[in-house]
Amino acid sequence: MATEIADGVWRIACRGVNAYLVSDDVPTLVDAGTPWDEAAIRDGLDEAGVEVSEIGRVLLTHYDLDHVGTLAALAPDLDASVRAYGFDAQLLRGARSPPLGNHKGLIQRLGGLVTDSADIDVVGVRDGEGVGSFTAYHTPGHTPGHVAYVSEELGVALLGDLVSESDGDLNPSGWVISYDTDAVAASVRDLTERAPAFEVACVGHGDPLSADGSEALKRAAATL
């Protein structure tokens, strides 16, 4: 199911996680659900009036089973590069494996058992790089290569799992699902200082915020 949460910004509800479609300079898919969400992604895109073949780019906030899961299934129809950052881009390419010495790395290893490798063009993104109207901000902690994207033009932030939403508040990623919660806290504070103001906060888990997104992120930072 797809819901337009702001002009040209669609939430695609997957199994316990959100993907998004943003009408930027090209139709942009943000994250890609679990391995069992192919129908949800395709149907959501269809409800928004976009075919998989019309997607111009995919922005991944990070590598996790519930954010890269449908890429392999979409790949035959997907004529677009997939942008990812650093360590997480290497995981997506299969060039590295999650470390067993970190509890989150172990979770990712287990998730990899049910996540098919995707035949896709993975393009690395750099901190501060512009991608369409968005700027990439490296926000490590949840994963080493987690990245948020903020568009001043659209007033939209793609926050991935840096924070989740509950009762209208944004909450930093917790220990169980993070590589490093100290890094999460630093990333939340850093993003509030570096990124321009935005209204719409697109989160991986919970409900996206359609207004006052940057203020909600500042409130989260103030608790750290």
N, C-alpha and C. Protein backbone atom coordinates (compact mmCIF):
# COMPACT_ATOMS: atom_id res chain seq x y z
N MET A 1 0.84 -1.20 0.00
CA MET A 1 0.00 0.00 0.00
C MET A 1 0.88 1.25 0.00
N ALA A 2 0.56 2.21 -0.84
CA ALA A 2 1.30 3.46 -0.92
C ALA A 2 0.43 4.61 -0.44
N THR A 3 1.01 5.49 0.37
CA THR A 3 0.30 6.66 0.88
C THR A 3 1.15 7.89 0.60
N GLU A 4 0.56 8.91 -0.03
CA GLU A 4 1.30 10.13 -0.29
C GLU A 4 1.31 10.97 0.98
N ILE A 5 2.49 11.11 1.59
CA ILE A 5 2.60 11.79 2.88
C ILE A 5 2.95 13.27 2.72
N ALA A 6 3.41 13.63 1.53
CA ALA A 6 3.70 15.03 1.17
C ALA A 6 3.70 15.06 -0.34
N ASP A 7 3.71 16.25 -0.90
CA ASP A 7 3.67 16.38 -2.35
C ASP A 7 4.84 15.63 -2.99
N GLY A 8 4.51 14.56 -3.72
CA GLY A 8 5.53 13.79 -4.42
C GLY A 8 6.33 12.84 -3.56
N VAL A 9 5.91 12.62 -2.32
CA VAL A 9 6.61 11.69 -1.41
C VAL A 9 5.62 10.62 -0.97
N TRP A 10 5.93 9.38 -1.33
CA TRP A 10 5.03 8.27 -1.05
C TRP A 10 5.68 7.30 -0.07
N ARG A 11 4.91 6.90 0.94
CA ARG A 11 5.34 5.84 1.85
C ARG A 11 4.80 4.51 1.32
N ILE A 12 5.68 3.54 1.19
CA ILE A 12 5.28 2.20 0.78
C ILE A 12 5.42 1.29 1.99
N ALA A 13 4.30 0.84 2.52
CA ALA A 13 4.30 0.04 3.74
C ALA A 13 4.70 -1.40 3.42
N CYS A 14 5.77 -1.86 4.05
CA CYS A 14 6.24 -3.23 3.88
C CYS A 14 6.06 -3.98 5.20
N ARG A 15 6.72 -5.11 5.35
CA ARG A 15 6.54 -5.93 6.54
C ARG A 15 7.34 -5.36 7.71
N GLY A 16 6.71 -4.45 8.46
CA GLY A 16 7.35 -3.86 9.61
C GLY A 16 8.37 -2.80 9.29
N VAL A 17 8.43 -2.36 8.05
CA VAL A 17 9.42 -1.37 7.64
C VAL A 17 8.83 -0.54 6.51
N ASN A 18 9.38 0.64 6.32
CA ASN A 18 8.91 1.53 5.25
C ASN A 18 9.94 1.64 4.14
N ALA A 19 9.45 1.66 2.91
CA ALA A 19 10.21 2.13 1.76
C ALA A 19 9.52 3.41 1.30
N TYR A 20 10.19 4.18 0.46
CA TYR A 20 9.60 5.44 0.00
C TYR A 20 9.86 5.63 -1.49
N LEU A 21 8.96 6.34 -2.12
CA LEU A 21 9.15 6.82 -3.49
C LEU A 21 9.11 8.34 -3.44
N VAL A 22 10.13 8.97 -4.01
CA VAL A 22 10.21 10.43 -4.02
C VAL A 22 10.29 10.91 -5.46
N SER A 23 9.45 11.86 -5.81
CA SER A 23 9.51 12.48 -7.13
C SER A 23 10.55 13.59 -7.08
N ASP A 24 11.79 13.23 -7.39
CA ASP A 24 12.89 14.19 -7.44
C ASP A 24 13.14 14.51 -8.90
N ASP A 25 14.39 14.75 -9.30
CA ASP A 25 14.66 14.97 -10.71
C ASP A 25 14.35 13.72 -11.52
N VAL A 26 14.45 12.55 -10.87
CA VAL A 26 13.98 11.28 -11.43
C VAL A 26 13.22 10.56 -10.32
N PRO A 27 12.30 9.64 -10.66
CA PRO A 27 11.64 8.87 -9.61
C PRO A 27 12.68 8.10 -8.80
N THR A 28 12.65 8.28 -7.49
CA THR A 28 13.69 7.74 -6.61
C THR A 28 13.07 6.80 -5.58
N LEU A 29 13.53 5.55 -5.58
CA LEU A 29 13.11 4.58 -4.58
C LEU A 29 14.08 4.64 -3.41
N VAL A 30 13.55 4.74 -2.21
CA VAL A 30 14.37 4.84 -1.00
C VAL A 30 14.18 3.58 -0.18
N ASP A 31 15.25 2.77 -0.09
CA ASP A 31 15.23 1.49 0.58
C ASP A 31 14.28 0.51 -0.12
N ALA A 32 14.34 -0.75 0.28
CA ALA A 32 13.68 -1.76 -0.56
C ALA A 32 13.08 -2.93 0.21
N GLY A 33 12.65 -2.69 1.45
CA GLY A 33 11.88 -3.71 2.15
C GLY A 33 12.61 -5.01 2.44
N THR A 34 11.85 -5.99 2.91
CA THR A 34 12.38 -7.31 3.24
C THR A 34 12.35 -8.21 2.01
N PRO A 35 12.96 -9.40 2.10
CA PRO A 35 12.90 -10.32 0.96
C PRO A 35 11.49 -10.78 0.60
N TRP A 36 10.52 -10.49 1.46
CA TRP A 36 9.15 -10.94 1.23
C TRP A 36 8.23 -9.79 0.81
N ASP A 37 8.82 -8.67 0.40
CA ASP A 37 8.04 -7.47 0.10
C ASP A 37 8.01 -7.09 -1.38
N GLU A 38 8.33 -8.02 -2.27
CA GLU A 38 8.32 -7.68 -3.69
C GLU A 38 6.93 -7.18 -4.11
N ALA A 39 5.89 -7.89 -3.74
CA ALA A 39 4.54 -7.48 -4.14
C ALA A 39 4.19 -6.12 -3.55
N ALA A 40 4.57 -5.87 -2.30
CA ALA A 40 4.27 -4.59 -1.66
C ALA A 40 4.97 -3.44 -2.39
N ILE A 41 6.22 -3.66 -2.77
CA ILE A 41 6.97 -2.61 -3.47
C ILE A 41 6.36 -2.37 -4.85
N ARG A 42 6.15 -3.44 -5.59
CA ARG A 42 5.59 -3.28 -6.95
C ARG A 42 4.20 -2.66 -6.91
N ASP A 43 3.36 -3.14 -6.00
CA ASP A 43 2.00 -2.60 -5.91
C ASP A 43 2.03 -1.14 -5.45
N GLY A 44 2.94 -0.82 -4.51
CA GLY A 44 3.03 0.55 -4.04
C GLY A 44 3.47 1.50 -5.13
N LEU A 45 4.45 1.07 -5.91
CA LEU A 45 4.89 1.90 -7.03
C LEU A 45 3.76 2.09 -8.03
N ASP A 46 3.03 1.01 -8.29
CA ASP A 46 1.91 1.09 -9.23
C ASP A 46 0.85 2.08 -8.74
N GLU A 47 0.55 2.05 -7.44
CA GLU A 47 -0.44 2.98 -6.87
C GLU A 47 0.03 4.43 -7.02
N ALA A 48 1.34 4.63 -6.99
CA ALA A 48 1.90 5.97 -7.16
C ALA A 48 2.09 6.34 -8.62
N GLY A 49 1.75 5.41 -9.53
CA GLY A 49 1.83 5.69 -10.96
C GLY A 49 3.20 5.54 -11.57
N VAL A 50 4.04 4.70 -10.95
CA VAL A 50 5.42 4.52 -11.43
C VAL A 50 5.70 3.02 -11.60
N GLU A 51 6.29 2.67 -12.73
CA GLU A 51 6.73 1.29 -12.96
C GLU A 51 8.15 1.12 -12.42
N VAL A 52 8.50 -0.11 -12.09
CA VAL A 52 9.87 -0.38 -11.61
C VAL A 52 10.88 0.10 -12.64
N SER A 53 10.59 -0.11 -13.92
CA SER A 53 11.51 0.27 -14.99
C SER A 53 11.69 1.79 -15.09
N GLU A 54 10.79 2.56 -14.47
CA GLU A 54 10.87 4.02 -14.53
C GLU A 54 11.67 4.61 -13.37
N ILE A 55 12.04 3.78 -12.40
CA ILE A 55 12.85 4.27 -11.29
C ILE A 55 14.20 4.73 -11.82
N GLY A 56 14.57 5.97 -11.48
CA GLY A 56 15.82 6.53 -11.97
C GLY A 56 17.01 6.28 -11.08
N ARG A 57 16.75 6.09 -9.78
CA ARG A 57 17.82 5.75 -8.84
C ARG A 57 17.21 5.12 -7.60
N VAL A 58 18.04 4.36 -6.90
CA VAL A 58 17.67 3.81 -5.60
C VAL A 58 18.65 4.37 -4.58
N LEU A 59 18.12 4.96 -3.52
CA LEU A 59 18.95 5.43 -2.41
C LEU A 59 18.78 4.47 -1.25
N LEU A 60 19.87 3.85 -0.83
CA LEU A 60 19.84 2.99 0.34
C LEU A 60 20.39 3.74 1.54
N THR A 61 19.63 3.78 2.61
CA THR A 61 20.15 4.39 3.82
C THR A 61 21.18 3.48 4.49
N HIS A 62 21.02 2.16 4.32
CA HIS A 62 21.99 1.23 4.91
C HIS A 62 21.70 -0.19 4.45
N TYR A 63 22.64 -1.07 4.78
CA TYR A 63 22.49 -2.48 4.46
C TYR A 63 21.90 -3.21 5.67
N ASP A 64 20.69 -3.67 5.54
CA ASP A 64 20.03 -4.59 6.47
C ASP A 64 19.00 -5.37 5.68
N LEU A 65 18.69 -6.54 6.16
CA LEU A 65 17.73 -7.42 5.48
C LEU A 65 16.44 -6.69 5.11
N ASP A 66 15.95 -5.83 6.00
CA ASP A 66 14.66 -5.17 5.77
C ASP A 66 14.77 -3.88 4.98
N HIS A 67 15.95 -3.59 4.46
CA HIS A 67 16.12 -2.39 3.63
C HIS A 67 16.67 -2.71 2.24
N VAL A 68 17.21 -3.91 2.06
CA VAL A 68 17.74 -4.31 0.75
C VAL A 68 17.04 -5.56 0.22
N GLY A 69 16.05 -6.06 0.94
CA GLY A 69 15.51 -7.39 0.69
C GLY A 69 14.93 -7.66 -0.68
N THR A 70 14.29 -6.67 -1.31
CA THR A 70 13.65 -6.93 -2.59
C THR A 70 14.51 -6.58 -3.80
N LEU A 71 15.73 -6.10 -3.58
CA LEU A 71 16.55 -5.65 -4.70
C LEU A 71 16.77 -6.76 -5.73
N ALA A 72 17.02 -7.97 -5.26
CA ALA A 72 17.26 -9.08 -6.19
C ALA A 72 16.02 -9.35 -7.03
N ALA A 73 14.85 -9.28 -6.42
CA ALA A 73 13.60 -9.55 -7.15
C ALA A 73 13.27 -8.43 -8.13
N LEU A 74 13.63 -7.19 -7.78
CA LEU A 74 13.35 -6.05 -8.65
C LEU A 74 14.38 -5.91 -9.77
N ALA A 75 15.57 -6.48 -9.57
CA ALA A 75 16.70 -6.25 -10.46
C ALA A 75 16.41 -6.48 -11.95
N PRO A 76 15.67 -7.54 -12.33
CA PRO A 76 15.44 -7.74 -13.77
C PRO A 76 14.72 -6.58 -14.46
N ASP A 77 13.94 -5.81 -13.71
CA ASP A 77 13.19 -4.69 -14.29
C ASP A 77 13.77 -3.33 -13.91
N LEU A 78 14.83 -3.35 -13.11
CA LEU A 78 15.36 -2.11 -12.55
C LEU A 78 16.54 -1.62 -13.37
N ASP A 79 16.37 -0.51 -14.05
CA ASP A 79 17.43 0.07 -14.87
C ASP A 79 17.95 1.33 -14.17
N ALA A 80 18.50 1.14 -12.98
CA ALA A 80 18.94 2.28 -12.17
C ALA A 80 20.07 1.85 -11.27
N SER A 81 20.98 2.77 -10.98
CA SER A 81 22.04 2.49 -10.03
C SER A 81 21.49 2.53 -8.61
N VAL A 82 22.17 1.84 -7.71
CA VAL A 82 21.81 1.82 -6.30
C VAL A 82 22.93 2.52 -5.54
N ARG A 83 22.57 3.58 -4.82
CA ARG A 83 23.57 4.35 -4.09
C ARG A 83 23.63 3.87 -2.64
N ALA A 84 24.85 3.61 -2.17
CA ALA A 84 25.07 3.17 -0.80
C ALA A 84 26.42 3.70 -0.34
N TYR A 85 26.66 3.69 0.96
CA TYR A 85 27.85 4.32 1.52
C TYR A 85 28.84 3.29 2.08
N GLY A 86 30.09 3.46 1.71
CA GLY A 86 31.21 2.82 2.38
C GLY A 86 31.05 1.34 2.66
N PHE A 87 31.17 0.98 3.94
CA PHE A 87 31.12 -0.41 4.37
C PHE A 87 29.84 -1.09 3.91
N ASP A 88 28.71 -0.37 4.00
CA ASP A 88 27.44 -0.97 3.62
C ASP A 88 27.37 -1.23 2.12
N ALA A 89 28.00 -0.36 1.31
CA ALA A 89 28.07 -0.61 -0.13
C ALA A 89 28.88 -1.86 -0.41
N GLN A 90 29.95 -2.08 0.35
CA GLN A 90 30.76 -3.28 0.17
C GLN A 90 29.98 -4.54 0.54
N LEU A 91 29.18 -4.47 1.59
CA LEU A 91 28.32 -5.60 1.94
C LEU A 91 27.35 -5.91 0.81
N LEU A 92 26.77 -4.87 0.23
CA LEU A 92 25.80 -5.05 -0.84
C LEU A 92 26.46 -5.66 -2.07
N ARG A 93 27.70 -5.28 -2.35
CA ARG A 93 28.43 -5.84 -3.48
C ARG A 93 28.92 -7.26 -3.21
N GLY A 94 28.89 -7.69 -1.95
CA GLY A 94 29.44 -9.00 -1.60
C GLY A 94 30.94 -8.98 -1.44
N ALA A 95 31.53 -7.78 -1.35
CA ALA A 95 32.98 -7.65 -1.22
C ALA A 95 33.45 -7.89 0.21
N ARG A 96 32.54 -7.73 1.17
CA ARG A 96 32.87 -7.96 2.58
C ARG A 96 31.70 -8.67 3.24
N SER A 97 31.96 -9.20 4.43
CA SER A 97 30.91 -9.84 5.21
C SER A 97 30.77 -9.12 6.54
N PRO A 98 29.58 -9.12 7.12
CA PRO A 98 29.41 -8.49 8.43
C PRO A 98 30.30 -9.16 9.47
N PRO A 99 30.87 -8.40 10.39
CA PRO A 99 31.79 -8.97 11.38
C PRO A 99 31.05 -9.79 12.43
N LEU A 100 31.60 -10.95 12.74
CA LEU A 100 30.99 -11.80 13.76
C LEU A 100 31.27 -11.29 15.17
N GLY A 101 32.25 -10.39 15.30
CA GLY A 101 32.61 -9.89 16.62
C GLY A 101 31.69 -8.81 17.14
N ASN A 102 30.72 -8.38 16.35
CA ASN A 102 29.74 -7.38 16.77
C ASN A 102 28.35 -8.01 16.74
N HIS A 103 27.55 -7.78 17.77
CA HIS A 103 26.23 -8.43 17.83
C HIS A 103 25.37 -8.08 16.63
N LYS A 104 25.43 -6.82 16.17
CA LYS A 104 24.64 -6.44 15.00
C LYS A 104 25.20 -7.11 13.75
N GLY A 105 26.51 -7.25 13.67
CA GLY A 105 27.11 -7.96 12.55
C GLY A 105 26.62 -9.39 12.47
N LEU A 106 26.48 -10.03 13.61
CA LEU A 106 25.96 -11.39 13.65
C LEU A 106 24.52 -11.43 13.15
N ILE A 107 23.71 -10.45 13.55
CA ILE A 107 22.32 -10.37 13.06
C ILE A 107 22.32 -10.24 11.54
N GLN A 108 23.23 -9.41 11.00
CA GLN A 108 23.29 -9.24 9.56
C GLN A 108 23.73 -10.53 8.86
N ARG A 109 24.65 -11.26 9.47
CA ARG A 109 25.06 -12.54 8.89
C ARG A 109 23.86 -13.48 8.79
N LEU A 110 23.06 -13.54 9.84
CA LEU A 110 21.88 -14.41 9.82
C LEU A 110 20.88 -13.93 8.78
N GLY A 111 20.71 -12.62 8.68
CA GLY A 111 19.81 -12.08 7.66
C GLY A 111 20.26 -12.40 6.26
N GLY A 112 21.57 -12.47 6.06
CA GLY A 112 22.11 -12.78 4.74
C GLY A 112 21.73 -14.17 4.25
N LEU A 113 21.36 -15.06 5.16
CA LEU A 113 20.98 -16.41 4.78
C LEU A 113 19.67 -16.44 3.99
N VAL A 114 18.85 -15.40 4.16
CA VAL A 114 17.56 -15.36 3.46
C VAL A 114 17.48 -14.18 2.49
N THR A 115 18.61 -13.53 2.24
CA THR A 115 18.64 -12.39 1.33
C THR A 115 19.44 -12.75 0.09
N ASP A 116 18.79 -12.79 -1.06
CA ASP A 116 19.47 -13.14 -2.30
C ASP A 116 20.38 -12.01 -2.75
N SER A 117 21.51 -12.40 -3.36
CA SER A 117 22.39 -11.39 -3.95
C SER A 117 21.72 -10.79 -5.17
N ALA A 118 21.87 -9.49 -5.32
CA ALA A 118 21.22 -8.79 -6.42
C ALA A 118 22.23 -8.42 -7.50
N ASP A 119 21.84 -8.64 -8.74
CA ASP A 119 22.68 -8.24 -9.87
C ASP A 119 22.36 -6.78 -10.20
N ILE A 120 22.99 -5.89 -9.46
CA ILE A 120 22.68 -4.47 -9.57
C ILE A 120 23.97 -3.66 -9.63
N ASP A 121 23.85 -2.44 -10.12
CA ASP A 121 24.97 -1.52 -10.18
C ASP A 121 25.01 -0.71 -8.89
N VAL A 122 25.98 -1.04 -8.02
CA VAL A 122 26.11 -0.35 -6.74
C VAL A 122 27.12 0.78 -6.89
N VAL A 123 26.68 2.00 -6.63
CA VAL A 123 27.53 3.18 -6.75
C VAL A 123 27.74 3.77 -5.37
N GLY A 124 28.99 3.96 -4.99
CA GLY A 124 29.29 4.54 -3.69
C GLY A 124 28.90 6.00 -3.63
N VAL A 125 28.41 6.42 -2.48
CA VAL A 125 28.07 7.82 -2.25
C VAL A 125 29.00 8.37 -1.18
N ARG A 126 29.39 9.62 -1.29
CA ARG A 126 30.31 10.25 -0.34
C ARG A 126 29.56 11.20 0.59
N ASP A 127 30.10 11.39 1.77
CA ASP A 127 29.53 12.36 2.70
C ASP A 127 29.55 13.74 2.07
N GLY A 128 28.42 14.40 2.09
CA GLY A 128 28.32 15.73 1.51
C GLY A 128 28.02 15.76 0.02
N GLU A 129 27.93 14.60 -0.60
CA GLU A 129 27.68 14.53 -2.04
C GLU A 129 26.22 14.84 -2.36
N GLY A 130 25.99 15.54 -3.45
CA GLY A 130 24.65 15.79 -3.92
C GLY A 130 24.17 14.66 -4.82
N VAL A 131 22.98 14.19 -4.57
CA VAL A 131 22.35 13.15 -5.39
C VAL A 131 20.95 13.64 -5.72
N GLY A 132 20.74 14.11 -6.96
CA GLY A 132 19.51 14.80 -7.26
C GLY A 132 19.44 16.05 -6.39
N SER A 133 18.30 16.29 -5.75
CA SER A 133 18.19 17.45 -4.87
C SER A 133 18.64 17.14 -3.44
N PHE A 134 19.03 15.88 -3.19
CA PHE A 134 19.42 15.45 -1.85
C PHE A 134 20.92 15.60 -1.63
N THR A 135 21.29 15.81 -0.38
CA THR A 135 22.68 15.76 0.05
C THR A 135 22.82 14.57 0.99
N ALA A 136 23.90 13.80 0.79
CA ALA A 136 24.14 12.63 1.62
C ALA A 136 24.93 13.02 2.87
N TYR A 137 24.50 12.49 4.01
CA TYR A 137 25.18 12.73 5.29
C TYR A 137 25.50 11.37 5.92
N HIS A 138 26.79 11.10 6.08
CA HIS A 138 27.18 9.85 6.73
C HIS A 138 26.75 9.90 8.19
N THR A 139 25.96 8.92 8.60
CA THR A 139 25.40 8.89 9.96
C THR A 139 25.63 7.51 10.57
N PRO A 140 26.87 7.13 10.85
CA PRO A 140 27.17 5.78 11.33
C PRO A 140 26.63 5.53 12.73
N GLY A 141 26.55 4.25 13.05
CA GLY A 141 26.12 3.83 14.38
C GLY A 141 25.15 2.67 14.28
N HIS A 142 24.03 2.89 13.62
CA HIS A 142 23.11 1.77 13.36
C HIS A 142 23.84 0.72 12.53
N THR A 143 24.51 1.17 11.48
CA THR A 143 25.49 0.39 10.74
C THR A 143 26.66 1.33 10.43
N PRO A 144 27.84 0.77 10.10
CA PRO A 144 28.99 1.65 9.82
C PRO A 144 28.78 2.56 8.62
N GLY A 145 28.01 2.10 7.63
CA GLY A 145 27.81 2.89 6.43
C GLY A 145 26.44 3.53 6.33
N HIS A 146 25.76 3.67 7.45
CA HIS A 146 24.44 4.30 7.42
C HIS A 146 24.57 5.73 6.91
N VAL A 147 23.63 6.13 6.06
CA VAL A 147 23.65 7.48 5.50
C VAL A 147 22.22 8.02 5.47
N ALA A 148 22.08 9.30 5.81
CA ALA A 148 20.80 9.99 5.68
C ALA A 148 20.91 10.93 4.49
N TYR A 149 19.76 11.24 3.89
CA TYR A 149 19.71 12.15 2.74
C TYR A 149 18.71 13.25 3.05
N VAL A 150 19.12 14.49 2.82
CA VAL A 150 18.23 15.62 3.09
C VAL A 150 18.16 16.51 1.86
N SER A 151 16.94 16.84 1.46
CA SER A 151 16.70 17.75 0.34
C SER A 151 16.14 19.06 0.88
N GLU A 152 16.93 20.12 0.82
CA GLU A 152 16.44 21.43 1.23
C GLU A 152 15.33 21.89 0.29
N GLU A 153 15.49 21.57 -1.00
CA GLU A 153 14.50 21.98 -2.00
C GLU A 153 13.13 21.37 -1.72
N LEU A 154 13.11 20.10 -1.38
CA LEU A 154 11.85 19.40 -1.14
C LEU A 154 11.40 19.48 0.32
N GLY A 155 12.31 19.85 1.22
CA GLY A 155 11.99 19.86 2.64
C GLY A 155 11.80 18.46 3.20
N VAL A 156 12.59 17.51 2.68
CA VAL A 156 12.43 16.09 3.02
C VAL A 156 13.75 15.52 3.52
N ALA A 157 13.70 14.74 4.59
CA ALA A 157 14.85 14.00 5.09
C ALA A 157 14.54 12.51 5.06
N LEU A 158 15.48 11.74 4.54
CA LEU A 158 15.38 10.28 4.50
C LEU A 158 16.32 9.76 5.59
N LEU A 159 15.75 9.36 6.71
CA LEU A 159 16.53 9.11 7.92
C LEU A 159 16.83 7.65 8.17
N GLY A 160 16.24 6.75 7.38
CA GLY A 160 16.53 5.33 7.56
C GLY A 160 16.27 4.87 8.97
N ASP A 161 17.26 4.18 9.56
CA ASP A 161 17.13 3.68 10.93
C ASP A 161 18.02 4.45 11.90
N LEU A 162 18.46 5.64 11.51
CA LEU A 162 19.15 6.48 12.49
C LEU A 162 18.24 6.73 13.67
N VAL A 163 16.96 6.96 13.36
CA VAL A 163 15.93 7.12 14.39
C VAL A 163 14.69 6.35 13.94
N SER A 164 13.83 6.06 14.89
CA SER A 164 12.52 5.50 14.59
C SER A 164 11.47 6.43 15.19
N GLU A 165 10.22 6.24 14.78
CA GLU A 165 9.14 7.09 15.28
C GLU A 165 8.24 6.33 16.23
N SER A 166 7.83 7.00 17.30
CA SER A 166 6.86 6.44 18.23
C SER A 166 6.08 7.59 18.86
N ASP A 167 4.75 7.58 18.71
CA ASP A 167 3.89 8.63 19.30
C ASP A 167 4.33 10.03 18.89
N GLY A 168 4.79 10.15 17.64
CA GLY A 168 5.17 11.46 17.13
C GLY A 168 6.57 11.91 17.47
N ASP A 169 7.29 11.11 18.27
CA ASP A 169 8.66 11.44 18.64
C ASP A 169 9.64 10.59 17.83
N LEU A 170 10.85 11.12 17.66
CA LEU A 170 11.91 10.37 17.01
C LEU A 170 12.87 9.85 18.08
N ASN A 171 13.18 8.56 17.99
CA ASN A 171 14.01 7.91 19.00
C ASN A 171 15.25 7.31 18.35
N PRO A 172 16.45 7.64 18.85
CA PRO A 172 17.69 7.11 18.25
C PRO A 172 17.72 5.58 18.28
N SER A 173 18.38 5.01 17.28
CA SER A 173 18.50 3.56 17.16
C SER A 173 19.11 2.97 18.44
N GLY A 174 18.48 1.91 18.96
CA GLY A 174 18.90 1.32 20.23
C GLY A 174 20.01 0.29 20.09
N TRP A 175 20.49 -0.19 21.23
CA TRP A 175 21.66 -1.08 21.28
C TRP A 175 21.44 -2.37 20.49
N VAL A 176 20.29 -2.99 20.65
CA VAL A 176 20.07 -4.31 20.06
C VAL A 176 20.26 -4.29 18.55
N ILE A 177 19.87 -3.20 17.90
CA ILE A 177 19.90 -3.16 16.43
C ILE A 177 21.01 -2.26 15.89
N SER A 178 21.94 -1.86 16.76
CA SER A 178 22.99 -0.94 16.33
C SER A 178 24.38 -1.54 16.52
N TYR A 179 25.29 -1.14 15.67
CA TYR A 179 26.70 -1.47 15.87
C TYR A 179 27.27 -0.72 17.05
N ASP A 180 26.89 0.56 17.21
CA ASP A 180 27.55 1.43 18.18
C ASP A 180 26.60 2.57 18.55
N THR A 181 26.02 2.52 19.74
CA THR A 181 25.04 3.54 20.12
C THR A 181 25.70 4.89 20.41
N ASP A 182 26.97 4.91 20.81
CA ASP A 182 27.66 6.19 20.97
C ASP A 182 27.76 6.90 19.62
N ALA A 183 28.05 6.12 18.57
CA ALA A 183 28.12 6.68 17.22
C ALA A 183 26.74 7.14 16.75
N VAL A 184 25.69 6.40 17.12
CA VAL A 184 24.33 6.83 16.79
C VAL A 184 24.06 8.20 17.38
N ALA A 185 24.37 8.37 18.66
CA ALA A 185 24.12 9.65 19.33
C ALA A 185 24.89 10.77 18.66
N ALA A 186 26.15 10.51 18.33
CA ALA A 186 26.97 11.53 17.66
C ALA A 186 26.39 11.87 16.30
N SER A 187 25.88 10.86 15.59
CA SER A 187 25.31 11.09 14.26
C SER A 187 24.03 11.91 14.32
N VAL A 188 23.19 11.65 15.31
CA VAL A 188 21.96 12.43 15.46
C VAL A 188 22.31 13.89 15.71
N ARG A 189 23.24 14.12 16.64
CA ARG A 189 23.63 15.51 16.94
C ARG A 189 24.26 16.17 15.71
N ASP A 190 25.12 15.44 15.02
CA ASP A 190 25.82 15.97 13.85
C ASP A 190 24.83 16.35 12.75
N LEU A 191 23.83 15.49 12.53
CA LEU A 191 22.88 15.76 11.46
C LEU A 191 22.06 17.01 11.77
N THR A 192 21.68 17.21 13.03
CA THR A 192 20.92 18.40 13.38
C THR A 192 21.73 19.67 13.13
N GLU A 193 23.05 19.56 13.25
CA GLU A 193 23.91 20.73 13.06
C GLU A 193 24.24 20.98 11.60
N ARG A 194 24.36 19.92 10.81
CA ARG A 194 24.83 20.06 9.44
C ARG A 194 23.73 20.22 8.41
N ALA A 195 22.61 19.57 8.64
CA ALA A 195 21.57 19.52 7.60
C ALA A 195 20.67 20.76 7.66
N PRO A 196 20.14 21.17 6.51
CA PRO A 196 19.16 22.27 6.51
C PRO A 196 17.85 21.81 7.13
N ALA A 197 17.01 22.76 7.46
CA ALA A 197 15.70 22.43 8.05
C ALA A 197 14.85 21.65 7.05
N PHE A 198 14.04 20.76 7.58
CA PHE A 198 13.13 19.97 6.75
C PHE A 198 11.83 19.75 7.49
N GLU A 199 10.78 19.60 6.73
CA GLU A 199 9.47 19.33 7.31
C GLU A 199 9.20 17.83 7.43
N VAL A 200 9.47 17.09 6.34
CA VAL A 200 9.10 15.68 6.24
C VAL A 200 10.26 14.80 6.69
N ALA A 201 10.00 13.94 7.67
CA ALA A 201 11.01 13.01 8.17
C ALA A 201 10.57 11.59 7.82
N CYS A 202 11.26 10.98 6.87
CA CYS A 202 10.95 9.63 6.44
C CYS A 202 11.82 8.65 7.22
N VAL A 203 11.19 7.84 8.05
CA VAL A 203 11.90 6.89 8.91
C VAL A 203 11.64 5.47 8.44
N GLY A 204 12.57 4.58 8.77
CA GLY A 204 12.40 3.18 8.39
C GLY A 204 11.31 2.49 9.18
N HIS A 205 11.19 2.86 10.45
CA HIS A 205 10.23 2.18 11.34
C HIS A 205 9.39 3.22 12.07
N GLY A 206 8.10 2.97 12.12
CA GLY A 206 7.16 3.93 12.66
C GLY A 206 6.55 4.76 11.55
N ASP A 207 5.82 5.78 11.93
CA ASP A 207 5.15 6.63 10.95
C ASP A 207 6.04 7.81 10.57
N PRO A 208 6.13 8.12 9.28
CA PRO A 208 6.87 9.31 8.88
C PRO A 208 6.18 10.56 9.41
N LEU A 209 6.97 11.61 9.62
CA LEU A 209 6.42 12.89 10.07
C LEU A 209 6.25 13.79 8.86
N SER A 210 5.07 14.35 8.71
CA SER A 210 4.78 15.21 7.56
C SER A 210 5.08 16.68 7.82
N ALA A 211 5.37 17.02 9.07
CA ALA A 211 5.66 18.42 9.42
C ALA A 211 6.61 18.46 10.61
N ASP A 212 7.40 19.53 10.67
CA ASP A 212 8.31 19.79 11.80
C ASP A 212 9.30 18.66 12.04
N GLY A 213 9.76 18.05 10.97
CA GLY A 213 10.69 16.93 11.10
C GLY A 213 12.01 17.30 11.73
N SER A 214 12.60 18.41 11.30
CA SER A 214 13.90 18.79 11.86
C SER A 214 13.77 19.19 13.32
N GLU A 215 12.64 19.76 13.72
CA GLU A 215 12.43 20.08 15.13
C GLU A 215 12.33 18.81 15.96
N ALA A 216 11.68 17.79 15.42
CA ALA A 216 11.59 16.51 16.13
C ALA A 216 12.97 15.89 16.27
N LEU A 217 13.81 16.01 15.25
CA LEU A 217 15.17 15.46 15.34
C LEU A 217 16.00 16.24 16.38
N LYS A 218 15.80 17.54 16.46
CA LYS A 218 16.50 18.33 17.48
C LYS A 218 16.07 17.92 18.88
N ARG A 219 14.79 17.61 19.05
CA ARG A 219 14.33 17.16 20.37
C ARG A 219 14.98 15.83 20.72
N ALA A 220 15.11 14.95 19.72
CA ALA A 220 15.79 13.68 19.98
C ALA A 220 17.23 13.90 20.37
N ALA A 221 17.91 14.81 19.67
CA ALA A 221 19.31 15.10 19.96
C ALA A 221 19.47 15.66 21.37
N ALA A 222 18.49 16.42 21.82
CA ALA A 222 18.58 17.05 23.14
C ALA A 222 18.52 16.03 24.27
N THR A 223 18.01 14.84 23.98
CA THR A 223 17.92 13.80 25.01
C THR A 223 19.21 13.00 25.15
N LEU A 224 20.16 13.21 24.26
CA LEU A 224 21.37 12.39 24.23
C LEU A 224 22.50 13.02 25.04
